[in-house]
Each structure stands twice: as structure tokens, then as C-alpha cells.
N, C-alpha and C. Protein backbone atom coordinates (compact mmCIF):
# COMPACT_ATOMS: atom_id res chain seq x y z
N MET A 1 -31.50 50.36 0.58
CA MET A 1 -31.37 49.08 -0.27
C MET A 1 -31.84 48.20 0.48
N SER A 2 -32.38 46.85 -0.17
CA SER A 2 -32.63 45.77 0.25
C SER A 2 -31.76 44.87 0.28
N ASP A 3 -31.95 43.73 0.97
CA ASP A 3 -30.80 42.91 1.30
C ASP A 3 -30.31 41.98 -0.03
N GLN A 4 -31.09 41.84 -1.20
CA GLN A 4 -30.87 41.36 -2.37
C GLN A 4 -29.97 42.40 -3.14
N GLN A 5 -30.46 43.53 -3.29
CA GLN A 5 -29.42 44.42 -3.68
C GLN A 5 -27.69 44.17 -2.82
N ALA A 6 -27.69 44.41 -1.79
CA ALA A 6 -26.66 44.44 -1.00
C ALA A 6 -25.84 43.13 -1.23
N LEU A 7 -26.75 42.04 -1.23
CA LEU A 7 -25.73 40.50 -1.85
C LEU A 7 -25.24 40.68 -3.03
N LEU A 8 -26.02 41.55 -4.06
CA LEU A 8 -25.40 41.60 -5.26
C LEU A 8 -24.15 42.66 -5.66
N GLU A 9 -23.90 43.74 -4.46
CA GLU A 9 -22.58 44.31 -4.32
C GLU A 9 -21.61 44.23 -3.71
N ILE A 10 -21.57 43.13 -3.12
CA ILE A 10 -20.77 42.38 -2.66
C ILE A 10 -19.39 41.97 -3.57
N PRO A 11 -18.00 42.69 -3.17
CA PRO A 11 -17.03 42.51 -4.26
C PRO A 11 -16.91 41.08 -4.54
N ARG A 12 -16.36 40.75 -5.37
CA ARG A 12 -16.08 39.21 -5.69
C ARG A 12 -14.28 39.26 -5.55
N ILE A 13 -14.18 38.30 -4.46
CA ILE A 13 -12.52 37.88 -4.66
C ILE A 13 -12.06 37.18 -5.75
N PRO A 14 -11.02 37.89 -6.25
CA PRO A 14 -10.27 37.31 -7.62
C PRO A 14 -9.98 35.95 -7.43
N ARG A 15 -9.96 35.07 -8.22
CA ARG A 15 -9.31 33.28 -7.73
C ARG A 15 -8.24 33.25 -8.45
N ARG A 16 -7.35 32.74 -7.53
CA ARG A 16 -5.71 32.65 -8.18
C ARG A 16 -5.41 31.69 -8.92
N THR A 17 -4.82 31.92 -10.37
CA THR A 17 -4.81 30.96 -11.34
C THR A 17 -3.58 30.69 -11.69
N SER A 18 -2.38 30.90 -10.75
CA SER A 18 -1.09 31.15 -10.75
C SER A 18 -0.64 29.30 -10.96
N LEU A 19 0.55 29.07 -11.73
CA LEU A 19 0.69 27.74 -11.56
C LEU A 19 1.40 27.53 -10.23
N LEU A 20 2.07 28.44 -9.69
CA LEU A 20 2.97 28.30 -8.51
C LEU A 20 1.60 28.35 -7.40
N PHE A 21 0.73 28.29 -7.36
CA PHE A 21 -0.24 28.22 -6.08
C PHE A 21 -1.09 26.69 -6.43
N ASN A 22 -0.77 25.40 -6.24
CA ASN A 22 -0.99 24.34 -6.05
C ASN A 22 -1.27 23.70 -4.91
N PRO A 23 -2.07 23.78 -4.29
CA PRO A 23 -2.24 23.22 -2.47
C PRO A 23 -2.48 21.62 -3.08
N LYS A 24 -1.74 20.81 -2.10
CA LYS A 24 -2.00 19.44 -2.53
C LYS A 24 -3.04 19.01 -0.99
N GLU A 25 -4.03 17.68 -1.34
CA GLU A 25 -4.96 17.78 -0.33
C GLU A 25 -4.99 15.89 -0.13
N PHE A 26 -4.95 16.06 1.23
CA PHE A 26 -5.19 14.30 1.21
C PHE A 26 -6.44 14.53 1.92
N LYS A 27 -7.33 12.98 1.46
CA LYS A 27 -8.40 13.05 2.09
C LYS A 27 -8.37 11.34 2.47
N VAL A 28 -8.84 11.41 3.75
CA VAL A 28 -9.13 9.97 4.26
C VAL A 28 -10.60 9.57 4.38
N ILE A 29 -11.26 8.56 3.39
CA ILE A 29 -12.62 8.04 3.50
C ILE A 29 -12.94 6.99 4.14
N ALA A 30 -13.89 6.94 5.22
CA ALA A 30 -14.19 5.93 5.95
C ALA A 30 -14.97 5.10 5.04
N LEU A 31 -14.14 3.69 5.32
CA LEU A 31 -14.86 2.60 4.22
C LEU A 31 -16.31 2.13 5.16
N ARG A 32 -17.49 2.81 4.92
CA ARG A 32 -18.85 2.20 5.68
C ARG A 32 -19.07 1.09 5.10
N GLU A 33 -18.93 0.90 4.00
CA GLU A 33 -19.21 -0.71 3.30
C GLU A 33 -18.40 -1.66 3.87
N CYS A 34 -17.42 -1.41 4.57
CA CYS A 34 -16.64 -2.56 4.61
C CYS A 34 -17.26 -3.25 5.94
N PRO A 35 -17.34 -4.71 5.96
CA PRO A 35 -17.94 -5.48 7.07
C PRO A 35 -17.28 -4.93 8.27
N VAL A 36 -17.85 -5.16 9.30
CA VAL A 36 -17.53 -4.99 10.71
C VAL A 36 -16.13 -5.79 11.16
N ASP A 37 -16.30 -6.98 10.84
CA ASP A 37 -15.21 -8.14 10.95
C ASP A 37 -14.34 -8.12 9.81
N THR A 38 -13.29 -7.09 9.93
CA THR A 38 -12.59 -6.80 9.00
C THR A 38 -11.35 -8.07 8.88
N PRO A 39 -11.00 -8.62 8.00
CA PRO A 39 -10.05 -9.84 8.02
C PRO A 39 -8.61 -9.95 8.44
N MET A 40 -8.35 -10.70 9.55
CA MET A 40 -7.39 -10.76 10.34
C MET A 40 -6.21 -11.10 9.22
N CYS A 41 -4.94 -10.65 9.42
CA CYS A 41 -3.75 -11.02 8.31
C CYS A 41 -2.47 -11.21 9.28
N ASP A 42 -2.50 -12.24 10.04
CA ASP A 42 -1.44 -12.41 10.81
C ASP A 42 -0.35 -13.40 10.34
N THR A 43 -0.65 -13.85 8.73
CA THR A 43 0.25 -14.88 8.71
C THR A 43 0.53 -14.97 7.04
N PRO A 44 1.54 -15.16 6.64
CA PRO A 44 1.61 -14.95 5.26
C PRO A 44 0.73 -15.46 3.94
N ASP A 45 0.45 -16.88 4.78
CA ASP A 45 -0.85 -17.71 3.92
C ASP A 45 -2.18 -16.28 4.04
N LYS A 46 -2.73 -15.75 5.04
CA LYS A 46 -3.63 -15.00 4.62
C LYS A 46 -3.52 -13.97 3.73
N ALA A 47 -1.99 -13.00 3.76
CA ALA A 47 -1.75 -12.22 3.21
C ALA A 47 -2.11 -12.45 1.90
N ALA A 48 -1.37 -13.77 1.47
CA ALA A 48 -1.50 -14.09 -0.21
C ALA A 48 -2.97 -14.14 -0.43
N ALA A 49 -3.85 -14.75 0.36
CA ALA A 49 -5.25 -14.94 0.19
C ALA A 49 -5.78 -13.74 0.01
N TYR A 50 -5.25 -12.56 1.05
CA TYR A 50 -6.01 -11.20 0.46
C TYR A 50 -5.57 -10.73 -0.55
N TRP A 51 -4.26 -10.83 -1.24
CA TRP A 51 -3.66 -10.60 -2.66
C TRP A 51 -4.71 -10.96 -3.53
N ARG A 52 -5.08 -12.18 -3.54
CA ARG A 52 -5.57 -12.88 -4.72
C ARG A 52 -7.08 -12.35 -4.72
N GLU A 53 -7.81 -12.16 -3.47
CA GLU A 53 -9.11 -11.57 -3.45
C GLU A 53 -9.35 -10.34 -3.58
N ALA A 54 -8.40 -9.37 -3.10
CA ALA A 54 -8.48 -7.79 -3.15
C ALA A 54 -7.71 -7.11 -4.28
N ILE A 55 -6.56 -7.58 -3.87
CA ILE A 55 -5.30 -6.62 -4.70
C ILE A 55 -5.38 -7.28 -6.14
N SER A 56 -5.28 -8.45 -6.08
CA SER A 56 -5.42 -8.72 -7.89
C SER A 56 -6.53 -8.13 -8.44
N ASN A 57 -7.63 -7.73 -7.97
CA ASN A 57 -9.05 -7.33 -8.69
C ASN A 57 -8.89 -5.68 -8.43
N ASP A 58 -7.97 -4.83 -8.20
CA ASP A 58 -7.82 -3.86 -8.16
C ASP A 58 -7.90 -3.23 -9.79
N ARG A 59 -8.26 -1.79 -9.94
CA ARG A 59 -8.57 -1.89 -11.13
C ARG A 59 -6.91 -1.08 -11.78
N TYR A 60 -6.13 -0.78 -11.00
CA TYR A 60 -4.65 -0.59 -11.34
C TYR A 60 -3.65 -1.58 -11.34
N TYR A 61 -4.11 -2.97 -10.71
CA TYR A 61 -3.40 -3.81 -10.80
C TYR A 61 -2.65 -4.26 -12.33
N ASP A 62 -1.62 -4.70 -12.39
CA ASP A 62 -1.20 -5.12 -13.66
C ASP A 62 -0.38 -6.43 -13.31
N PRO A 63 -0.90 -7.19 -14.12
CA PRO A 63 -0.22 -8.82 -13.77
C PRO A 63 1.37 -8.69 -14.65
N GLU A 64 1.20 -8.02 -16.02
CA GLU A 64 2.59 -7.91 -16.45
C GLU A 64 3.77 -7.42 -15.89
N ARG A 65 3.39 -6.71 -15.26
CA ARG A 65 4.34 -5.84 -14.36
C ARG A 65 4.19 -5.66 -13.02
N GLU A 66 5.60 -5.66 -12.38
CA GLU A 66 5.78 -5.68 -10.84
C GLU A 66 4.85 -4.66 -10.20
N CYS A 67 4.04 -5.09 -9.06
CA CYS A 67 3.35 -4.36 -8.37
C CYS A 67 3.40 -4.25 -6.96
N PHE A 68 4.08 -3.37 -6.44
CA PHE A 68 4.23 -3.05 -5.01
C PHE A 68 3.12 -2.26 -4.14
N VAL A 69 2.44 -3.48 -2.95
CA VAL A 69 1.71 -3.14 -2.10
C VAL A 69 1.92 -3.32 -0.74
N ILE A 70 0.95 -2.14 0.12
CA ILE A 70 1.24 -2.24 1.26
C ILE A 70 -0.04 -2.84 1.88
N VAL A 71 0.11 -3.59 3.07
CA VAL A 71 -1.28 -4.18 3.46
C VAL A 71 -0.99 -3.30 4.80
N MET A 72 -2.27 -2.95 5.35
CA MET A 72 -2.27 -1.70 6.67
C MET A 72 -2.98 -2.16 7.57
N LEU A 73 -2.41 -2.48 8.66
CA LEU A 73 -3.00 -3.50 9.85
C LEU A 73 -3.40 -2.52 10.92
N ASN A 74 -4.25 -2.67 11.99
CA ASN A 74 -4.18 -2.22 13.40
C ASN A 74 -3.55 -2.91 14.31
N THR A 75 -3.83 -2.53 15.56
CA THR A 75 -2.86 -3.55 16.65
C THR A 75 -3.29 -4.89 16.75
N ARG A 76 -4.30 -5.16 16.51
CA ARG A 76 -4.95 -6.71 16.58
C ARG A 76 -4.70 -7.03 14.97
N ARG A 77 -3.96 -6.67 14.46
CA ARG A 77 -3.59 -7.27 12.92
C ARG A 77 -4.83 -7.68 11.97
N ARG A 78 -5.76 -6.85 12.25
CA ARG A 78 -6.84 -6.69 11.23
C ARG A 78 -6.47 -5.61 10.26
N ILE A 79 -6.81 -5.85 8.93
CA ILE A 79 -6.84 -5.03 7.82
C ILE A 79 -7.86 -3.90 7.76
N LYS A 80 -6.77 -2.85 7.81
CA LYS A 80 -7.70 -1.29 7.62
C LYS A 80 -7.72 -1.16 5.89
N GLY A 81 -6.88 -1.53 5.17
CA GLY A 81 -6.97 -1.12 4.03
C GLY A 81 -5.40 -1.68 3.50
N HIS A 82 -5.35 -1.56 2.07
CA HIS A 82 -4.04 -1.82 1.24
C HIS A 82 -3.90 -0.35 0.23
N ASN A 83 -3.01 -0.21 0.01
CA ASN A 83 -2.54 1.16 -1.06
C ASN A 83 -1.18 0.34 -1.92
N LEU A 84 -1.68 0.39 -3.49
CA LEU A 84 -0.81 0.14 -4.38
C LEU A 84 0.20 1.41 -4.44
N VAL A 85 1.35 1.03 -3.82
CA VAL A 85 2.51 2.01 -3.93
C VAL A 85 3.26 2.40 -5.35
N SER A 86 3.85 1.37 -6.03
CA SER A 86 4.03 1.26 -7.12
C SER A 86 4.06 0.32 -8.39
N ILE A 87 4.04 0.52 -9.36
CA ILE A 87 3.85 -0.18 -10.46
C ILE A 87 5.14 -0.04 -11.34
N GLY A 88 5.95 -1.23 -11.75
CA GLY A 88 7.19 -1.16 -12.23
C GLY A 88 7.10 -1.72 -13.56
N THR A 89 8.32 -2.71 -14.21
CA THR A 89 8.40 -3.01 -15.00
C THR A 89 8.14 -4.42 -14.81
N HIS A 90 8.58 -5.13 -16.08
CA HIS A 90 8.43 -6.81 -15.85
C HIS A 90 9.40 -7.30 -15.16
N ASP A 91 10.63 -6.44 -14.53
CA ASP A 91 11.50 -7.15 -13.68
C ASP A 91 12.05 -6.31 -12.62
N THR A 92 11.60 -4.86 -12.46
CA THR A 92 12.15 -3.82 -11.84
C THR A 92 10.88 -2.92 -11.20
N LEU A 93 11.67 -2.48 -10.12
CA LEU A 93 10.20 -1.78 -9.36
C LEU A 93 11.04 -0.79 -8.29
N LEU A 94 10.84 0.35 -8.28
CA LEU A 94 11.05 1.67 -7.68
C LEU A 94 10.23 1.87 -6.19
N VAL A 95 11.01 2.14 -4.99
CA VAL A 95 10.11 2.11 -3.68
C VAL A 95 10.74 2.96 -2.96
N HIS A 96 10.35 3.86 -2.12
CA HIS A 96 10.53 5.02 -1.60
C HIS A 96 9.97 4.34 -0.21
N PRO A 97 10.73 4.88 0.95
CA PRO A 97 10.07 5.03 2.36
C PRO A 97 8.71 5.69 2.36
N ALA A 98 9.14 6.66 1.77
CA ALA A 98 8.08 7.86 1.78
C ALA A 98 6.95 7.43 1.45
N SER A 99 6.88 7.13 0.50
CA SER A 99 5.74 6.50 -0.47
C SER A 99 4.92 5.20 0.19
N VAL A 100 5.69 4.39 0.62
CA VAL A 100 5.56 3.36 1.89
C VAL A 100 4.54 3.95 2.72
N PHE A 101 4.96 4.53 3.94
CA PHE A 101 4.87 4.63 4.73
C PHE A 101 3.87 5.93 5.06
N ARG A 102 3.70 7.02 3.94
CA ARG A 102 2.60 7.94 4.16
C ARG A 102 1.26 7.09 4.68
N PRO A 103 0.67 6.33 3.71
CA PRO A 103 -0.55 6.11 3.97
C PRO A 103 -0.84 5.66 5.00
N ALA A 104 0.43 4.77 5.56
CA ALA A 104 0.23 3.86 7.15
C ALA A 104 -0.02 4.97 8.31
N VAL A 105 0.68 6.06 7.96
CA VAL A 105 1.10 6.88 8.81
C VAL A 105 -0.55 7.66 9.33
N THR A 106 -0.90 8.04 7.63
CA THR A 106 -2.13 8.82 7.40
C THR A 106 -3.41 8.07 8.11
N LEU A 107 -3.50 6.65 7.72
CA LEU A 107 -4.42 5.68 8.59
C LEU A 107 -4.22 5.57 10.09
N SER A 108 -3.05 5.91 10.58
CA SER A 108 -2.45 5.65 12.01
C SER A 108 -2.51 4.06 12.09
N CYS A 109 -1.83 3.39 11.28
CA CYS A 109 -1.65 2.07 11.46
C CYS A 109 -0.59 1.66 12.46
N ALA A 110 -0.58 0.41 12.91
CA ALA A 110 0.46 -0.02 13.83
C ALA A 110 1.43 -0.86 13.33
N ALA A 111 1.08 -1.77 12.15
CA ALA A 111 1.75 -2.74 11.38
C ALA A 111 1.42 -2.52 9.84
N ILE A 112 2.30 -3.13 9.10
CA ILE A 112 1.94 -3.07 8.00
C ILE A 112 2.91 -4.51 7.33
N ILE A 113 2.25 -5.05 6.13
CA ILE A 113 2.93 -6.41 5.33
C ILE A 113 3.10 -5.52 4.05
N LEU A 114 4.76 -5.80 3.45
CA LEU A 114 4.93 -5.46 2.10
C LEU A 114 4.60 -6.34 1.13
N MET A 115 4.02 -6.13 0.00
CA MET A 115 3.88 -7.46 -0.65
C MET A 115 3.76 -6.88 -2.19
N HIS A 116 4.70 -7.61 -2.83
CA HIS A 116 4.51 -7.20 -4.60
C HIS A 116 4.91 -8.48 -5.17
N SER A 117 4.72 -8.33 -6.53
CA SER A 117 4.47 -9.70 -7.37
C SER A 117 5.51 -9.85 -8.46
N HIS A 118 5.78 -10.96 -9.12
CA HIS A 118 6.80 -11.36 -9.96
C HIS A 118 5.96 -11.86 -10.95
N PRO A 119 6.06 -11.15 -11.82
CA PRO A 119 4.98 -11.34 -13.20
C PRO A 119 6.06 -12.82 -13.47
N SER A 120 7.04 -13.05 -13.50
CA SER A 120 7.55 -14.21 -13.95
C SER A 120 7.03 -15.73 -13.53
N GLY A 121 6.48 -15.44 -12.32
CA GLY A 121 5.60 -16.47 -11.84
C GLY A 121 6.72 -16.93 -10.56
N ASP A 122 8.15 -16.68 -10.82
CA ASP A 122 8.51 -17.39 -9.42
C ASP A 122 8.91 -16.60 -8.18
N PRO A 123 8.21 -16.95 -7.12
CA PRO A 123 8.40 -15.68 -6.06
C PRO A 123 9.52 -15.84 -5.27
N THR A 124 10.67 -16.40 -5.57
CA THR A 124 12.15 -16.38 -4.96
C THR A 124 12.60 -14.98 -5.10
N PRO A 125 12.59 -14.27 -3.43
CA PRO A 125 13.38 -13.33 -3.53
C PRO A 125 14.81 -12.75 -4.40
N SER A 126 15.10 -11.70 -4.78
CA SER A 126 16.19 -11.16 -5.59
C SER A 126 16.91 -10.50 -4.14
N GLU A 127 18.29 -10.26 -4.51
CA GLU A 127 19.19 -9.49 -3.75
C GLU A 127 18.46 -8.07 -3.07
N ALA A 128 17.91 -7.36 -4.49
CA ALA A 128 17.22 -6.37 -4.40
C ALA A 128 15.99 -6.45 -3.20
N ASP A 129 15.30 -7.21 -3.47
CA ASP A 129 13.96 -7.33 -2.31
C ASP A 129 14.33 -7.67 -1.18
N ILE A 130 15.60 -8.45 -0.84
CA ILE A 130 15.94 -8.34 0.36
C ILE A 130 16.97 -7.18 1.17
N LYS A 131 17.21 -6.34 0.13
CA LYS A 131 17.94 -5.00 0.36
C LYS A 131 16.95 -4.09 1.06
N VAL A 132 15.77 -4.04 0.16
CA VAL A 132 14.65 -3.05 -0.01
C VAL A 132 13.92 -3.49 1.29
N THR A 133 13.54 -4.46 1.61
CA THR A 133 12.97 -4.78 2.73
C THR A 133 13.30 -4.35 3.73
N ARG A 134 15.01 -4.68 4.17
CA ARG A 134 15.68 -4.25 5.42
C ARG A 134 15.63 -2.78 5.47
N ASP A 135 15.80 -2.17 4.47
CA ASP A 135 15.50 -0.53 4.66
C ASP A 135 14.44 0.02 4.88
N LEU A 136 13.41 -0.92 4.72
CA LEU A 136 12.10 -0.29 5.05
C LEU A 136 11.56 -1.11 6.55
N ILE A 137 12.24 -1.97 7.04
CA ILE A 137 12.20 -2.23 8.28
C ILE A 137 12.96 -1.04 8.91
N ARG A 138 13.85 -0.84 8.46
CA ARG A 138 14.96 0.40 9.61
C ARG A 138 13.71 1.78 9.66
N ALA A 139 13.41 1.88 8.27
CA ALA A 139 12.44 3.37 8.06
C ALA A 139 11.32 3.18 8.83
N GLY A 140 10.69 1.93 9.18
CA GLY A 140 9.34 1.63 9.88
C GLY A 140 9.77 1.52 11.47
N GLN A 141 11.01 1.47 11.63
CA GLN A 141 11.18 1.21 13.20
C GLN A 141 11.46 2.79 13.79
N LEU A 142 12.19 3.49 13.01
CA LEU A 142 11.95 4.74 13.31
C LEU A 142 10.86 5.67 13.59
N ILE A 143 9.60 5.18 12.79
CA ILE A 143 8.45 6.04 12.78
C ILE A 143 7.23 5.02 13.72
N LYS A 144 7.76 3.92 14.45
CA LYS A 144 7.14 3.18 15.35
C LYS A 144 6.08 2.39 14.33
N ILE A 145 6.08 2.13 13.03
CA ILE A 145 5.21 1.13 12.49
C ILE A 145 5.97 -0.26 12.03
N GLU A 146 5.67 -1.52 12.47
CA GLU A 146 6.13 -2.48 12.53
C GLU A 146 6.15 -3.17 10.83
N VAL A 147 7.15 -3.56 10.37
CA VAL A 147 6.92 -4.11 8.96
C VAL A 147 7.09 -5.38 9.65
N LEU A 148 5.73 -6.39 9.44
CA LEU A 148 5.48 -7.67 9.99
C LEU A 148 6.30 -8.98 8.94
N ASP A 149 5.88 -8.37 7.47
CA ASP A 149 6.36 -9.32 6.53
C ASP A 149 6.76 -9.05 5.16
N HIS A 150 7.22 -9.46 4.36
CA HIS A 150 7.38 -9.22 2.97
C HIS A 150 7.25 -10.33 2.49
N VAL A 151 5.90 -10.42 1.51
CA VAL A 151 5.35 -11.42 0.81
C VAL A 151 5.65 -11.33 -0.41
N ILE A 152 6.24 -12.13 -1.28
CA ILE A 152 6.01 -12.01 -2.63
C ILE A 152 5.46 -13.00 -3.47
N MET A 153 4.71 -12.58 -4.51
CA MET A 153 3.28 -13.04 -5.15
C MET A 153 3.85 -13.86 -6.40
N GLY A 154 3.81 -14.94 -6.78
CA GLY A 154 4.09 -15.64 -8.17
C GLY A 154 2.83 -16.21 -8.95
N ARG A 155 3.41 -17.62 -9.08
CA ARG A 155 2.16 -18.50 -9.73
C ARG A 155 2.28 -19.77 -9.21
N PRO A 156 1.34 -20.54 -8.83
CA PRO A 156 1.73 -22.18 -8.59
C PRO A 156 2.40 -22.86 -9.97
N CYS A 157 3.20 -23.52 -9.41
CA CYS A 157 3.58 -24.68 -10.50
C CYS A 157 3.83 -26.32 -9.92
N ALA A 158 4.12 -26.95 -10.79
CA ALA A 158 4.37 -27.98 -10.25
C ALA A 158 5.59 -28.66 -9.03
N GLU A 159 6.71 -28.13 -9.38
CA GLU A 159 7.40 -28.10 -8.57
C GLU A 159 7.29 -26.99 -7.24
N ARG A 160 6.53 -26.17 -7.59
CA ARG A 160 6.05 -25.34 -6.37
C ARG A 160 4.75 -24.99 -6.20
N PRO A 161 4.29 -25.73 -4.80
CA PRO A 161 2.53 -25.56 -5.22
C PRO A 161 2.05 -24.20 -4.62
N LYS A 162 2.83 -23.58 -3.61
CA LYS A 162 2.92 -22.10 -3.19
C LYS A 162 2.75 -21.25 -4.04
N ASP A 163 1.72 -19.96 -4.28
CA ASP A 163 2.31 -19.29 -5.30
C ASP A 163 3.16 -17.94 -4.59
N TRP A 164 3.52 -17.98 -3.49
CA TRP A 164 3.90 -17.03 -2.85
C TRP A 164 4.97 -17.37 -1.99
N CYS A 165 5.68 -16.24 -1.43
CA CYS A 165 7.28 -16.79 -0.71
C CYS A 165 7.36 -15.34 0.10
N SER A 166 7.43 -15.99 1.52
CA SER A 166 7.47 -15.23 2.87
C SER A 166 8.63 -15.04 3.03
N LEU A 167 9.48 -13.56 3.13
CA LEU A 167 10.71 -13.24 3.67
C LEU A 167 10.88 -13.54 5.13
N ARG A 168 10.27 -13.73 5.95
CA ARG A 168 9.80 -13.83 6.97
C ARG A 168 10.53 -15.48 7.48
N GLU A 169 9.76 -16.27 6.92
CA GLU A 169 9.55 -17.62 6.78
C GLU A 169 11.08 -17.54 6.23
N LEU A 170 11.37 -17.27 5.32
CA LEU A 170 12.89 -17.07 4.99
C LEU A 170 14.02 -17.02 5.48
N GLY A 171 13.50 -16.24 6.86
CA GLY A 171 14.69 -15.93 7.80
C GLY A 171 15.71 -14.51 7.38
N TYR A 172 14.98 -13.82 6.19
CA TYR A 172 15.62 -12.67 6.07
C TYR A 172 15.14 -11.20 6.82
N LEU A 173 14.08 -11.31 7.39
CA LEU A 173 13.60 -10.05 8.53
C LEU A 173 14.45 -10.07 9.40
N LEU A 174 14.81 -9.06 10.37
CA LEU A 174 15.95 -8.68 11.23
C LEU A 174 15.11 -9.25 13.03
């Protein structure tokens, strides 16, 4: 029997097509196109600039709905990437700690900055924003990923020249 005939006679293993067998796969892709000098993100102003430059141009970003994003940082506070965690309605957003910290753990981040938009344009934090921030800070402390800030993005107007609000600057972070 030739080698070709032997290859043809190898029995085929049937593929599992059951709905119960649906493995999950996570893949981290190296961003080789990224510049060597990644942007520093150690102030809320720089985080807001990153939002305007990168996040607001994301294909999944919707300016008419609240969008919750984490900016992931290394130990030198340089941006490793960002993740659009949740898209809500025009005034409500659901965020769970597992969804927030999963990408940060996967990329071995030292710290994150929480960010979300207020489609109304007013970046003033609500009581729910403050509570969620404190809950996420406690969750981050358990897994040793520091939550540096929570920046809320809005739109500039005559009474308020800044289009963002930092919960750290307002004294809400522990």
C-alpha cells in the first residue's frame, strides 16, 4: 500500500455539533502598528484628550447613548489600550465588575481609568455614578488593579468650558 492510499484510509473523527459544546476563546492581539511611545495618561485632561482622539472614533461608540469605557494602563501610566465595556440608553448604563476588570486582567494592567459619556452634555456625576465608582474601586483593590479616576465626558458650553468631569478632582474617590 502506498503512502497516498494510507492517508486516504485514515478514519475521520466526527465533528461535535451539539449546542452544549460551545467553547469560549479569548485572544489578545499584539498591536504592532501602535507607536513605540504610547501616550501617557496620568491626568484627567489627558484621559479626556484620549477619549476625543480614540474612543469617540470607535465604530461601536454611540454619542446618543451612555458608553462606558476603561482605559488600561501599565505601571508607568502609559496606555495599553481601551475597552468599550457597556453601551446603555440615553440616561442609564449597566456595569458589572467582571466585565470591567476582565480585559485589564487579560492584559496584565497595573491600573485603569473609568470613563463614560453623558449624552445630555452635562458631565456632572449622578449618585449612581459615584456608587458604581466606589464599588469598582473596591473590586480593583481585591485584584490589585488600581482605579485611578472616573472621568465623565459631556460637551462644552458657555457656563462650563471643560467637556469632562473627574470624580477624583471632585473628591469622590477613596
